[in-house]
Amino acid sequence: MPEITQKTPLKSGYKELCIRLGIMIIVIFVSRGISTVLLSLLNPSIEGFGETGAYLVKTAFSLVFLYFIPMIATAFLLKTNIPEMRRNIYKKPKYFGSALGMFPAFYSLAILMNLLTMWITGFFKSSDFNDNFNTVNELSAPNIACGIVLFVQMVVIAPLFEEFWFRGLVMESLRPYGNGVAIFLSALLFGLTHANFAQFFYAALMGIFLGYIAVSTKSIVTTTVIHAIFNSLSASLLLLLTDESVGDFVLKSQIGLVGEYTPAVVIYLVIISLMMLTVAVGLVMAVFKLAKIKKYKVPVVQTELSAGKRWAIFFTTVTVIIGFVLAADCFTVRFIPKQILKAVNGLFSA
């Protein structure tokens, strides 16, 4: 990571950056909306490709509209020198072992946040809170072939793309205005991009941790590895659930029956146990880490803008407000894409 040498960034430069980040948010949700509309229109044709073929087409849409288009737009908007940035963010990381050692603490807090969010959103089952188009095709796969595709998407593609995008493009553009605002704003935008309540809060918390690690180790190599490890646990369970014996075992367990212990079921239970152990150990670690956090102070990088003013400028920027309105629609009723789809269907049926 490059060292911050600019002592007093101009206020106008930060305002312009917020405008550009707001446009990035708009692009993210417009692109997502277009993807939703196109998939809805093409769904009858896609289903003709068969179960696996349809899943691959949806995955391709996910990669193009949820990753490629927004990332390219972000690089353009932030005027990023990609070759130079890559040299800076992919340096050999410092304190790599220590950073990996923090994984249990981070994992436990993220899982607890996810469980809390699931419990809260459970009160809104009749709403659209739990029915949004996800970055990983609603985290489900109909067969083992699709499960492998989903595993690769979650464990390889997502960590590589998302770390480059948020801990690279976004966070590095914000760092001249303070590591604190860079970490927290990039984490907020990272959570927002997941576009559903079920993932937003734990993804934002995950973004804070990964941002801190990226700054501390001066490389996103560490965060990419940690991100991949985090996703691999859930992705492994999703892959195993495509095995009929595992699905049958889970269904029987939910109604109080005992299913057959096949090799796939045993592996599934071992991973579940490993996750639970990691959460238990990590929770103890997190308590000790948080108890010491008051000893640390964020160094002052610049003096022209206080932390409060930087946040105020960001949230009062017109493009950011528009982006948040689009995000709110995507998180809830998805009124805009539904109306566009209705209008398009009306044109074809006329």
Protein backbone atom coordinates (compact mmCIF):
# COMPACT_ATOMS: atom_id res chain seq x y z
CA MET A 1 0.00 0.00 0.00
CA PRO A 2 1.32 3.48 -0.78
CA GLU A 3 2.25 5.69 2.13
CA ILE A 4 0.07 8.75 2.57
CA THR A 5 2.22 11.81 2.08
CA GLN A 6 -0.37 14.47 1.33
CA LYS A 7 -0.87 16.34 4.60
CA THR A 8 -3.80 18.53 3.74
CA PRO A 9 -6.00 17.22 0.89
CA LEU A 10 -8.21 19.88 -0.62
CA LYS A 11 -11.84 19.95 0.49
CA SER A 12 -12.93 20.30 -3.13
CA GLY A 13 -11.02 17.13 -4.02
CA TYR A 14 -12.93 15.15 -1.40
CA LYS A 15 -16.27 16.56 -2.57
CA GLU A 16 -15.47 15.57 -6.15
CA LEU A 17 -14.50 12.09 -5.00
CA CYS A 18 -17.83 11.72 -3.15
CA ILE A 19 -19.67 12.73 -6.33
CA ARG A 20 -17.80 10.05 -8.25
CA LEU A 21 -18.45 7.41 -5.58
CA GLY A 22 -22.14 8.35 -5.71
CA ILE A 23 -22.15 7.78 -9.46
CA MET A 24 -20.49 4.42 -8.80
CA ILE A 25 -23.38 3.46 -6.50
CA ILE A 26 -25.87 4.53 -9.18
CA VAL A 27 -24.05 2.41 -11.80
CA ILE A 28 -24.04 -0.59 -9.44
CA PHE A 29 -27.80 -0.57 -8.92
CA VAL A 30 -28.74 0.44 -12.47
CA SER A 31 -26.59 -2.43 -13.75
CA ARG A 32 -28.21 -4.77 -11.23
CA GLY A 33 -31.67 -3.58 -12.28
CA ILE A 34 -30.88 -4.14 -15.96
CA SER A 35 -29.67 -7.64 -15.13
CA THR A 36 -32.89 -8.41 -13.25
CA VAL A 37 -35.08 -7.14 -16.09
CA LEU A 38 -33.11 -8.98 -18.79
CA LEU A 39 -33.14 -12.25 -16.85
CA SER A 40 -36.88 -11.95 -16.32
CA LEU A 41 -37.47 -11.33 -20.04
CA LEU A 42 -35.12 -14.11 -21.13
CA ASN A 43 -36.19 -16.60 -18.47
CA PRO A 44 -38.45 -18.69 -20.79
CA SER A 45 -35.58 -19.09 -23.26
CA ILE A 46 -33.00 -19.71 -20.54
CA GLU A 47 -35.08 -22.50 -18.99
CA GLY A 48 -34.88 -24.27 -22.34
CA PHE A 49 -31.14 -24.76 -21.78
CA GLY A 50 -31.80 -27.22 -18.99
CA GLU A 51 -31.06 -26.94 -15.29
CA THR A 52 -27.28 -26.61 -15.56
CA GLY A 53 -27.34 -24.48 -18.70
CA ALA A 54 -29.81 -22.02 -17.18
CA TYR A 55 -27.65 -21.74 -14.06
CA LEU A 56 -24.54 -21.03 -16.15
CA VAL A 57 -26.34 -18.30 -18.08
CA LYS A 58 -27.50 -16.67 -14.83
CA THR A 59 -23.96 -16.90 -13.47
CA ALA A 60 -22.63 -15.20 -16.61
CA PHE A 61 -25.17 -12.40 -16.14
CA SER A 62 -24.05 -12.11 -12.53
CA LEU A 63 -20.41 -11.73 -13.51
CA VAL A 64 -21.06 -9.20 -16.28
CA PHE A 65 -23.63 -6.97 -14.59
CA LEU A 66 -22.63 -7.29 -10.94
CA TYR A 67 -18.84 -7.33 -11.36
CA PHE A 68 -17.40 -6.35 -14.75
CA ILE A 69 -19.57 -3.34 -15.59
CA PRO A 70 -19.49 -1.70 -12.11
CA MET A 71 -15.75 -2.38 -11.68
CA ILE A 72 -14.84 -0.90 -15.06
CA ALA A 73 -17.07 2.09 -14.32
CA THR A 74 -15.40 2.52 -10.91
CA ALA A 75 -11.90 2.49 -12.40
CA PHE A 76 -12.99 5.07 -14.99
CA LEU A 77 -14.79 7.30 -12.46
CA LEU A 78 -11.92 7.29 -9.98
CA LYS A 79 -9.37 7.91 -12.74
CA THR A 80 -7.30 5.00 -11.47
CA ASN A 81 -3.88 4.20 -12.89
CA ILE A 82 -4.45 0.44 -12.85
CA PRO A 83 -0.84 -0.75 -13.46
CA GLU A 84 0.55 1.53 -10.75
CA MET A 85 -2.19 0.62 -8.28
CA ARG A 86 -1.68 -3.10 -8.87
CA ARG A 87 2.01 -2.77 -8.09
CA ASN A 88 1.13 -1.04 -4.81
CA ILE A 89 -1.70 -3.21 -3.55
CA TYR A 90 -0.25 -6.61 -4.48
CA LYS A 91 3.04 -6.19 -2.66
CA LYS A 92 4.32 -8.95 -0.40
CA PRO A 93 2.23 -8.43 2.76
CA LYS A 94 3.70 -7.57 6.15
CA TYR A 95 2.55 -9.44 9.27
CA PHE A 96 0.82 -12.06 7.09
CA GLY A 97 0.78 -14.74 9.81
CA SER A 98 -0.54 -12.36 12.46
CA ALA A 99 -3.29 -11.19 10.13
CA LEU A 100 -4.40 -14.76 9.39
CA GLY A 101 -4.36 -15.44 13.13
CA MET A 102 -7.11 -12.84 13.54
CA PHE A 103 -9.46 -14.83 11.29
CA PRO A 104 -11.36 -16.66 14.09
CA ALA A 105 -12.19 -13.36 15.85
CA PHE A 106 -13.35 -11.78 12.63
CA TYR A 107 -15.29 -14.88 11.56
CA SER A 108 -17.14 -15.14 14.87
CA LEU A 109 -18.28 -11.50 14.79
CA ALA A 110 -19.38 -11.79 11.15
CA ILE A 111 -21.37 -14.97 11.82
CA LEU A 112 -23.02 -13.49 14.92
CA MET A 113 -23.95 -10.39 12.92
CA ASN A 114 -25.36 -12.60 10.17
CA LEU A 115 -27.44 -14.61 12.66
CA LEU A 116 -28.74 -11.41 14.24
CA THR A 117 -29.69 -10.03 10.83
CA MET A 118 -31.45 -13.28 9.89
CA TRP A 119 -33.39 -13.18 13.15
CA ILE A 120 -34.48 -9.57 12.58
CA THR A 121 -35.41 -10.04 8.91
CA GLY A 122 -37.35 -13.15 9.92
CA PHE A 123 -40.06 -10.78 11.15
CA PHE A 124 -40.50 -9.55 7.57
CA LYS A 125 -40.93 -12.84 5.73
CA SER A 126 -43.99 -11.55 3.92
CA SER A 127 -41.99 -8.65 2.47
CA ASP A 128 -39.30 -8.62 -0.20
CA PHE A 129 -36.48 -8.44 2.34
CA ASN A 130 -35.61 -12.10 1.80
CA ASP A 131 -36.37 -12.22 -1.92
CA ASN A 132 -33.66 -10.25 -3.67
CA PHE A 133 -31.37 -11.08 -6.55
CA ASN A 134 -28.05 -12.02 -4.96
CA THR A 135 -24.46 -11.77 -6.14
CA VAL A 136 -24.25 -15.55 -5.96
CA ASN A 137 -27.55 -16.55 -7.55
CA GLU A 138 -29.43 -16.64 -4.24
CA LEU A 139 -26.75 -18.89 -2.71
CA SER A 140 -28.22 -22.11 -4.09
CA ALA A 141 -27.30 -24.67 -6.73
CA PRO A 142 -29.65 -27.31 -8.19
CA ASN A 143 -26.98 -30.00 -8.81
CA ILE A 144 -23.32 -30.79 -8.18
CA ALA A 145 -22.11 -29.24 -11.46
CA CYS A 146 -23.79 -25.96 -10.54
CA GLY A 147 -22.49 -26.37 -7.00
CA ILE A 148 -18.92 -26.47 -8.33
CA VAL A 149 -19.57 -23.33 -10.38
CA LEU A 150 -20.95 -21.59 -7.30
CA PHE A 151 -17.96 -22.77 -5.23
CA VAL A 152 -15.51 -21.27 -7.75
CA GLN A 153 -17.54 -18.07 -7.88
CA MET A 154 -17.55 -17.69 -4.10
CA VAL A 155 -14.03 -18.88 -3.27
CA VAL A 156 -12.02 -17.63 -6.26
CA ILE A 157 -13.86 -15.02 -8.32
CA ALA A 158 -15.57 -13.06 -5.53
CA PRO A 159 -12.45 -12.60 -3.34
CA LEU A 160 -10.28 -11.58 -6.30
CA PHE A 161 -12.78 -9.16 -7.80
CA GLU A 162 -14.20 -7.69 -4.59
CA GLU A 163 -10.84 -7.12 -2.92
CA PHE A 164 -9.46 -5.40 -6.02
CA TRP A 165 -12.64 -3.34 -6.29
CA PHE A 166 -13.22 -2.26 -2.68
CA ARG A 167 -9.87 -2.59 -0.88
CA GLY A 168 -8.11 -1.52 -4.07
CA LEU A 169 -9.98 0.95 -6.27
CA VAL A 170 -12.34 2.44 -3.66
CA MET A 171 -10.29 2.39 -0.47
CA GLU A 172 -7.07 3.58 -2.08
CA SER A 173 -8.88 6.57 -3.61
CA LEU A 174 -10.12 7.51 -0.12
CA ARG A 175 -6.92 6.96 1.85
CA PRO A 176 -5.48 10.45 1.20
CA TYR A 177 -8.41 11.72 3.31
CA GLY A 178 -7.65 9.42 6.24
CA ASN A 179 -7.39 5.68 6.78
CA GLY A 180 -10.43 5.72 9.04
CA VAL A 181 -12.83 7.21 6.50
CA ALA A 182 -11.27 5.05 3.77
CA ILE A 183 -11.84 1.82 5.73
CA PHE A 184 -15.36 2.61 6.90
CA LEU A 185 -16.67 4.14 3.67
CA SER A 186 -15.28 1.33 1.51
CA ALA A 187 -16.81 -1.17 3.98
CA LEU A 188 -20.20 0.58 3.77
CA LEU A 189 -20.11 0.48 -0.02
CA PHE A 190 -18.97 -3.16 0.07
CA GLY A 191 -21.97 -4.09 2.21
CA LEU A 192 -24.30 -2.00 0.06
CA THR A 193 -23.21 -3.81 -3.10
CA HIS A 194 -24.54 -7.12 -1.74
CA ALA A 195 -27.97 -5.51 -2.24
CA ASN A 196 -29.97 -7.36 0.41
CA PHE A 197 -30.50 -7.05 4.14
CA ALA A 198 -29.43 -10.63 4.82
CA GLN A 199 -25.87 -9.88 3.67
CA PHE A 200 -25.49 -6.12 4.13
CA PHE A 201 -24.59 -5.88 7.83
CA TYR A 202 -22.13 -8.76 8.10
CA ALA A 203 -20.58 -7.80 4.74
CA ALA A 204 -20.05 -4.23 6.00
CA LEU A 205 -18.49 -5.58 9.20
CA MET A 206 -16.35 -7.88 7.07
CA GLY A 207 -15.31 -4.86 4.98
CA ILE A 208 -14.13 -2.97 8.09
CA PHE A 209 -11.96 -5.89 9.15
CA LEU A 210 -10.55 -6.44 5.65
CA GLY A 211 -9.87 -2.73 5.23
CA TYR A 212 -7.96 -2.65 8.52
CA ILE A 213 -5.95 -5.72 7.47
CA ALA A 214 -5.19 -4.23 4.04
CA VAL A 215 -3.86 -1.02 5.60
CA SER A 216 -1.92 -2.89 8.31
CA THR A 217 -0.28 -5.42 5.98
CA LYS A 218 0.13 -2.88 3.14
CA SER A 219 -1.28 -5.40 0.68
CA ILE A 220 -4.61 -6.86 -0.42
CA VAL A 221 -2.98 -10.28 -0.89
CA THR A 222 -3.78 -10.93 2.79
CA THR A 223 -7.40 -9.78 2.50
CA THR A 224 -7.94 -11.83 -0.65
CA VAL A 225 -6.76 -14.98 1.15
CA ILE A 226 -8.88 -14.25 4.25
CA HIS A 227 -11.90 -13.46 2.07
CA ALA A 228 -11.45 -16.76 0.23
CA ILE A 229 -11.16 -18.74 3.49
CA PHE A 230 -14.29 -17.05 4.85
CA ASN A 231 -16.31 -17.84 1.72
CA SER A 232 -14.92 -21.37 1.42
CA LEU A 233 -16.69 -22.59 4.55
CA SER A 234 -20.15 -21.53 3.36
CA ALA A 235 -19.38 -22.54 -0.23
CA SER A 236 -18.37 -26.04 0.93
CA LEU A 237 -21.71 -26.48 2.70
CA LEU A 238 -23.62 -25.27 -0.35
CA LEU A 239 -21.69 -27.66 -2.56
CA LEU A 240 -22.37 -30.59 -0.21
CA LEU A 241 -26.07 -29.72 -0.11
CA THR A 242 -26.25 -30.61 -3.81
CA ASP A 243 -25.62 -34.24 -2.72
CA GLU A 244 -28.98 -35.97 -2.30
CA SER A 245 -27.93 -37.75 0.89
CA VAL A 246 -26.96 -34.45 2.58
CA GLY A 247 -30.20 -32.79 1.56
CA ASP A 248 -32.17 -35.75 2.86
CA PHE A 249 -30.19 -35.73 6.14
CA VAL A 250 -30.86 -32.01 6.69
CA LEU A 251 -34.58 -32.35 5.94
CA LYS A 252 -34.94 -35.27 8.36
CA SER A 253 -32.99 -33.39 11.05
CA GLN A 254 -35.42 -30.49 10.78
CA ILE A 255 -38.35 -32.75 11.66
CA GLY A 256 -36.52 -34.64 14.42
CA LEU A 257 -35.52 -37.76 12.45
CA VAL A 258 -32.06 -39.25 11.96
CA GLY A 259 -30.82 -39.66 8.41
CA GLU A 260 -28.16 -41.93 6.93
CA TYR A 261 -24.53 -41.04 7.70
CA THR A 262 -23.00 -41.15 4.22
CA PRO A 263 -19.42 -39.87 3.57
CA ALA A 264 -20.87 -36.60 2.24
CA VAL A 265 -23.00 -36.20 5.37
CA VAL A 266 -19.98 -36.84 7.62
CA ILE A 267 -17.96 -34.18 5.77
CA TYR A 268 -20.92 -31.81 6.06
CA LEU A 269 -21.10 -32.35 9.83
CA VAL A 270 -17.32 -31.95 10.21
CA ILE A 271 -17.46 -28.56 8.45
CA ILE A 272 -20.41 -27.48 10.60
CA SER A 273 -18.45 -28.50 13.72
CA LEU A 274 -15.36 -26.65 12.48
CA MET A 275 -17.42 -23.51 11.90
CA MET A 276 -18.96 -23.72 15.38
CA LEU A 277 -15.54 -24.25 16.97
CA THR A 278 -14.11 -21.29 15.05
CA VAL A 279 -16.98 -19.09 16.22
CA ALA A 280 -16.51 -20.18 19.87
CA VAL A 281 -12.75 -19.62 19.86
CA GLY A 282 -13.07 -16.45 17.81
CA LEU A 283 -15.61 -14.94 20.16
CA VAL A 284 -13.16 -15.22 23.06
CA MET A 285 -10.42 -13.73 20.90
CA ALA A 286 -12.71 -10.89 19.81
CA VAL A 287 -13.55 -9.98 23.40
CA PHE A 288 -9.86 -9.63 24.24
CA LYS A 289 -9.15 -7.69 21.05
CA LEU A 290 -12.04 -5.27 21.60
CA ALA A 291 -10.96 -4.74 25.22
CA LYS A 292 -7.63 -3.42 23.97
CA ILE A 293 -9.00 -1.27 21.14
CA LYS A 294 -9.31 1.83 23.32
CA LYS A 295 -5.52 1.92 23.56
CA TYR A 296 -5.23 2.78 19.88
CA LYS A 297 -5.88 6.11 18.23
CA VAL A 298 -6.28 6.81 14.54
CA PRO A 299 -3.45 9.13 13.44
CA VAL A 300 -4.48 12.49 12.03
CA VAL A 301 -3.76 12.43 8.29
CA GLN A 302 -5.09 15.86 7.42
CA THR A 303 -6.52 18.81 9.29
CA GLU A 304 -8.81 20.61 6.87
CA LEU A 305 -11.75 18.23 7.30
CA SER A 306 -12.82 16.65 10.57
CA ALA A 307 -14.19 13.10 10.52
CA GLY A 308 -17.71 14.46 11.05
CA LYS A 309 -17.42 16.84 8.10
CA ARG A 310 -16.11 14.09 5.84
CA TRP A 311 -19.10 11.87 6.66
CA ALA A 312 -21.51 14.82 6.33
CA ILE A 313 -20.14 15.70 2.89
CA PHE A 314 -20.47 12.11 1.72
CA PHE A 315 -24.06 11.61 2.88
CA THR A 316 -25.24 15.00 1.56
CA THR A 317 -23.72 14.55 -1.91
CA VAL A 318 -26.54 14.49 -4.49
CA THR A 319 -25.23 11.48 -6.40
CA VAL A 320 -24.79 9.52 -3.17
CA ILE A 321 -28.37 10.32 -2.14
CA ILE A 322 -29.67 9.16 -5.54
CA GLY A 323 -27.56 6.00 -5.25
CA PHE A 324 -28.96 5.29 -1.78
CA VAL A 325 -32.53 5.72 -3.07
CA LEU A 326 -31.84 3.12 -5.77
CA ALA A 327 -30.24 0.88 -3.14
CA ALA A 328 -33.24 1.23 -0.84
CA ASP A 329 -35.55 0.22 -3.68
CA CYS A 330 -33.36 -2.81 -4.46
CA PHE A 331 -33.26 -3.80 -0.78
CA THR A 332 -37.04 -3.66 -0.40
CA VAL A 333 -39.84 -3.59 -2.99
CA ARG A 334 -37.73 -3.26 -6.19
CA PHE A 335 -40.36 -0.92 -7.59
CA ILE A 336 -38.20 0.50 -10.39
CA PRO A 337 -37.18 -2.75 -12.15
CA LYS A 338 -40.71 -4.12 -11.71
CA GLN A 339 -42.19 -1.06 -13.42
CA ILE A 340 -39.61 -1.24 -16.23
CA LEU A 341 -40.37 -4.94 -16.72
CA LYS A 342 -44.10 -4.20 -16.73
CA ALA A 343 -43.62 -1.47 -19.33
CA VAL A 344 -41.49 -3.71 -21.57
CA ASN A 345 -43.97 -6.57 -21.33
CA GLY A 346 -46.72 -4.09 -22.20
CA LEU A 347 -44.86 -3.03 -25.36
CA PHE A 348 -44.38 -6.63 -26.50
CA SER A 349 -47.99 -7.58 -25.78
CA ALA A 350 -49.41 -4.52 -27.54
